[in-house]
Amino acid sequence: MADGGVLFSSDSEVYFGLNPVGTIIWEALPTADTVEGLCRKLSDRFKDVAPEVLAKDVRNFLRDLLASGLVVAADGGSASAPDAGRTP
């Protein structure tokens, strides 16, 4: 969708609205091995955003997805951990 998208968890019956940036992050998830790798990929797209701001926003987004049961951390870790390893 041009102005975002919607995720739905059939397990928890949760709908999660995505704005255009959230949709870009969601679409990039399968191509990154770590949260840091995801941020590096996104930094190419969002050159005008400071890396630390981008990392904070991505971690917040991933934490929301985890809390809603829409993703799981591949290593059992948390997207909010400073050194979170693999991407959910």
N, C-alpha and C. Protein backbone atom coordinates (compact mmCIF):
# COMPACT_ATOMS: atom_id res chain seq x y z
N MET A 1 0.84 -1.18 0.00
CA MET A 1 0.00 0.00 0.00
C MET A 1 0.88 1.24 0.00
N ALA A 2 0.48 2.25 -0.69
CA ALA A 2 1.28 3.47 -0.83
C ALA A 2 1.52 4.16 0.51
N ASP A 3 0.56 4.14 1.40
CA ASP A 3 0.74 4.84 2.67
C ASP A 3 0.91 3.87 3.83
N GLY A 4 1.49 2.71 3.58
CA GLY A 4 1.79 1.78 4.65
C GLY A 4 1.20 0.42 4.38
N GLY A 5 0.96 -0.31 5.44
CA GLY A 5 0.42 -1.66 5.31
C GLY A 5 -0.12 -2.12 6.65
N VAL A 6 -0.61 -3.35 6.65
CA VAL A 6 -1.17 -3.94 7.87
C VAL A 6 -0.62 -5.35 8.00
N LEU A 7 -0.17 -5.68 9.21
CA LEU A 7 0.24 -7.05 9.53
C LEU A 7 -0.86 -7.65 10.38
N PHE A 8 -1.06 -8.95 10.24
CA PHE A 8 -2.08 -9.64 11.04
C PHE A 8 -1.51 -10.94 11.56
N SER A 9 -1.66 -11.16 12.85
CA SER A 9 -1.26 -12.43 13.46
C SER A 9 -2.52 -13.25 13.68
N SER A 10 -2.62 -14.36 12.97
CA SER A 10 -3.79 -15.22 13.14
C SER A 10 -3.75 -15.94 14.49
N ASP A 11 -2.55 -16.11 15.06
CA ASP A 11 -2.43 -16.75 16.37
C ASP A 11 -3.04 -15.89 17.47
N SER A 12 -2.67 -14.61 17.48
CA SER A 12 -3.14 -13.72 18.55
C SER A 12 -4.26 -12.80 18.09
N GLU A 13 -4.61 -12.87 16.80
CA GLU A 13 -5.64 -12.02 16.21
C GLU A 13 -5.33 -10.54 16.42
N VAL A 14 -4.06 -10.19 16.23
CA VAL A 14 -3.58 -8.82 16.39
C VAL A 14 -3.36 -8.21 15.01
N TYR A 15 -3.90 -7.01 14.81
CA TYR A 15 -3.61 -6.22 13.63
C TYR A 15 -2.58 -5.17 14.01
N PHE A 16 -1.63 -4.92 13.13
CA PHE A 16 -0.57 -3.96 13.41
C PHE A 16 -0.41 -3.09 12.17
N GLY A 17 -0.73 -1.80 12.30
CA GLY A 17 -0.62 -0.89 11.17
C GLY A 17 0.81 -0.43 10.95
N LEU A 18 1.20 -0.36 9.68
CA LEU A 18 2.54 0.09 9.33
C LEU A 18 2.45 1.36 8.51
N ASN A 19 3.26 2.35 8.89
CA ASN A 19 3.38 3.53 8.03
C ASN A 19 4.38 3.19 6.93
N PRO A 20 4.62 4.08 5.98
CA PRO A 20 5.55 3.74 4.88
C PRO A 20 6.95 3.32 5.36
N VAL A 21 7.46 3.96 6.40
CA VAL A 21 8.79 3.59 6.91
C VAL A 21 8.74 2.21 7.55
N GLY A 22 7.70 1.93 8.32
CA GLY A 22 7.54 0.60 8.90
C GLY A 22 7.47 -0.48 7.85
N THR A 23 6.81 -0.18 6.74
CA THR A 23 6.72 -1.13 5.64
C THR A 23 8.10 -1.39 5.04
N ILE A 24 8.91 -0.36 4.91
CA ILE A 24 10.27 -0.52 4.38
C ILE A 24 11.10 -1.40 5.32
N ILE A 25 10.98 -1.15 6.62
CA ILE A 25 11.72 -1.97 7.60
C ILE A 25 11.24 -3.41 7.52
N TRP A 26 9.93 -3.62 7.48
CA TRP A 26 9.36 -4.96 7.42
C TRP A 26 9.89 -5.71 6.20
N GLU A 27 9.91 -5.04 5.06
CA GLU A 27 10.36 -5.67 3.83
C GLU A 27 11.86 -5.98 3.85
N ALA A 28 12.62 -5.22 4.65
CA ALA A 28 14.07 -5.44 4.73
C ALA A 28 14.44 -6.54 5.74
N LEU A 29 13.53 -6.90 6.62
CA LEU A 29 13.84 -7.89 7.66
C LEU A 29 14.44 -9.19 7.12
N PRO A 30 13.87 -9.81 6.10
CA PRO A 30 14.41 -11.09 5.65
C PRO A 30 15.81 -11.00 5.03
N THR A 31 16.26 -9.81 4.71
CA THR A 31 17.55 -9.67 4.04
C THR A 31 18.68 -9.32 5.00
N ALA A 32 18.40 -9.23 6.29
CA ALA A 32 19.42 -8.85 7.27
C ALA A 32 19.62 -9.97 8.28
N ASP A 33 20.88 -10.21 8.64
CA ASP A 33 21.19 -11.26 9.61
C ASP A 33 21.15 -10.76 11.05
N THR A 34 21.36 -9.47 11.24
CA THR A 34 21.38 -8.89 12.58
C THR A 34 20.64 -7.56 12.56
N VAL A 35 20.32 -7.07 13.75
CA VAL A 35 19.70 -5.75 13.85
C VAL A 35 20.65 -4.70 13.28
N GLU A 36 21.93 -4.85 13.59
CA GLU A 36 22.92 -3.90 13.09
C GLU A 36 22.98 -3.95 11.56
N GLY A 37 22.92 -5.15 10.99
CA GLY A 37 22.91 -5.30 9.54
C GLY A 37 21.68 -4.67 8.91
N LEU A 38 20.55 -4.82 9.59
CA LEU A 38 19.32 -4.18 9.12
C LEU A 38 19.48 -2.67 9.11
N CYS A 39 20.06 -2.13 10.17
CA CYS A 39 20.28 -0.68 10.25
C CYS A 39 21.22 -0.20 9.15
N ARG A 40 22.25 -0.99 8.87
CA ARG A 40 23.17 -0.61 7.78
C ARG A 40 22.45 -0.57 6.44
N LYS A 41 21.61 -1.57 6.18
CA LYS A 41 20.84 -1.59 4.93
C LYS A 41 19.91 -0.38 4.85
N LEU A 42 19.26 -0.07 5.95
CA LEU A 42 18.32 1.05 5.96
C LEU A 42 19.03 2.40 5.88
N SER A 43 20.26 2.47 6.38
CA SER A 43 20.98 3.74 6.33
C SER A 43 21.27 4.17 4.90
N ASP A 44 21.38 3.20 3.99
CA ASP A 44 21.54 3.54 2.58
C ASP A 44 20.30 4.23 2.03
N ARG A 45 19.15 3.84 2.55
CA ARG A 45 17.87 4.40 2.09
C ARG A 45 17.56 5.73 2.77
N PHE A 46 17.94 5.85 4.04
CA PHE A 46 17.63 7.03 4.85
C PHE A 46 18.91 7.76 5.21
N LYS A 47 19.58 8.28 4.21
CA LYS A 47 20.89 8.93 4.39
C LYS A 47 20.85 10.16 5.28
N ASP A 48 19.70 10.82 5.38
CA ASP A 48 19.60 12.04 6.15
C ASP A 48 19.28 11.80 7.63
N VAL A 49 19.17 10.53 8.03
CA VAL A 49 18.87 10.19 9.42
C VAL A 49 20.17 9.76 10.11
N ALA A 50 20.44 10.35 11.26
CA ALA A 50 21.64 9.99 12.02
C ALA A 50 21.60 8.50 12.38
N PRO A 51 22.73 7.81 12.27
CA PRO A 51 22.76 6.36 12.54
C PRO A 51 22.19 5.98 13.91
N GLU A 52 22.49 6.77 14.93
CA GLU A 52 21.98 6.42 16.26
C GLU A 52 20.46 6.60 16.35
N VAL A 53 19.92 7.56 15.63
CA VAL A 53 18.47 7.76 15.59
C VAL A 53 17.81 6.61 14.84
N LEU A 54 18.39 6.24 13.72
CA LEU A 54 17.87 5.12 12.93
C LEU A 54 17.87 3.84 13.76
N ALA A 55 18.98 3.56 14.43
CA ALA A 55 19.09 2.35 15.25
C ALA A 55 18.04 2.34 16.35
N LYS A 56 17.84 3.46 17.01
CA LYS A 56 16.84 3.55 18.08
C LYS A 56 15.45 3.30 17.51
N ASP A 57 15.12 3.92 16.40
CA ASP A 57 13.80 3.76 15.80
C ASP A 57 13.56 2.32 15.34
N VAL A 58 14.58 1.70 14.74
CA VAL A 58 14.45 0.32 14.28
C VAL A 58 14.24 -0.60 15.48
N ARG A 59 15.01 -0.42 16.54
CA ARG A 59 14.86 -1.26 17.74
C ARG A 59 13.48 -1.08 18.36
N ASN A 60 12.98 0.15 18.40
CA ASN A 60 11.63 0.38 18.94
C ASN A 60 10.58 -0.32 18.09
N PHE A 61 10.72 -0.23 16.77
CA PHE A 61 9.80 -0.90 15.86
C PHE A 61 9.83 -2.41 16.08
N LEU A 62 11.03 -2.99 16.16
CA LEU A 62 11.16 -4.43 16.36
C LEU A 62 10.61 -4.85 17.72
N ARG A 63 10.83 -4.03 18.74
CA ARG A 63 10.29 -4.33 20.07
C ARG A 63 8.76 -4.37 20.02
N ASP A 64 8.15 -3.43 19.28
CA ASP A 64 6.69 -3.43 19.14
C ASP A 64 6.20 -4.68 18.42
N LEU A 65 6.92 -5.08 17.36
CA LEU A 65 6.54 -6.30 16.65
C LEU A 65 6.66 -7.52 17.55
N LEU A 66 7.75 -7.59 18.33
CA LEU A 66 7.93 -8.70 19.27
C LEU A 66 6.81 -8.73 20.30
N ALA A 67 6.48 -7.59 20.86
CA ALA A 67 5.44 -7.51 21.89
C ALA A 67 4.08 -7.92 21.34
N SER A 68 3.86 -7.67 20.06
CA SER A 68 2.59 -8.01 19.43
C SER A 68 2.57 -9.45 18.92
N GLY A 69 3.68 -10.15 19.05
CA GLY A 69 3.76 -11.53 18.60
C GLY A 69 3.84 -11.68 17.09
N LEU A 70 4.25 -10.62 16.41
CA LEU A 70 4.32 -10.64 14.95
C LEU A 70 5.67 -11.11 14.42
N VAL A 71 6.70 -11.11 15.26
CA VAL A 71 8.01 -11.66 14.94
C VAL A 71 8.55 -12.34 16.20
N VAL A 72 9.53 -13.19 15.99
CA VAL A 72 10.26 -13.79 17.11
C VAL A 72 11.74 -13.55 16.87
N ALA A 73 12.47 -13.37 17.94
CA ALA A 73 13.91 -13.19 17.82
C ALA A 73 14.55 -14.52 17.46
N ALA A 74 15.36 -14.54 16.43
CA ALA A 74 15.99 -15.77 15.95
C ALA A 74 16.89 -16.40 17.01
N ASP A 75 17.49 -15.57 17.87
CA ASP A 75 18.40 -16.10 18.89
C ASP A 75 17.78 -16.10 20.27
N GLY A 76 16.48 -15.81 20.36
CA GLY A 76 15.83 -15.76 21.65
C GLY A 76 16.10 -14.48 22.39
N GLY A 77 16.85 -13.55 21.76
CA GLY A 77 17.19 -12.28 22.39
C GLY A 77 16.07 -11.26 22.26
N SER A 78 16.42 -10.04 22.54
CA SER A 78 15.46 -8.95 22.51
C SER A 78 15.94 -7.85 21.58
N ALA A 79 15.04 -7.27 20.83
CA ALA A 79 15.40 -6.17 19.92
C ALA A 79 15.82 -4.93 20.69
N SER A 80 15.49 -4.88 21.98
CA SER A 80 15.85 -3.69 22.74
C SER A 80 17.22 -3.80 23.38
N ALA A 81 17.80 -5.00 23.37
CA ALA A 81 19.12 -5.18 23.96
C ALA A 81 20.16 -4.43 23.13
N PRO A 82 21.11 -3.75 23.78
CA PRO A 82 22.10 -2.97 23.04
C PRO A 82 22.88 -3.79 22.03
N ASP A 83 23.10 -5.06 22.33
CA ASP A 83 23.90 -5.88 21.43
C ASP A 83 23.07 -7.00 20.83
N ALA A 84 21.78 -6.72 20.61
CA ALA A 84 20.90 -7.76 20.07
C ALA A 84 21.53 -8.35 18.81
N GLY A 85 21.53 -9.63 18.76
CA GLY A 85 22.21 -10.32 17.68
C GLY A 85 21.37 -10.42 16.43
N ARG A 86 20.74 -11.53 16.24
CA ARG A 86 20.03 -11.79 15.00
C ARG A 86 18.73 -11.04 14.96
N THR A 87 18.32 -10.70 13.77
CA THR A 87 17.07 -9.98 13.55
C THR A 87 15.90 -10.91 13.84
N PRO A 88 14.86 -10.37 14.43
CA PRO A 88 13.64 -11.19 14.62
C PRO A 88 13.06 -11.57 13.28
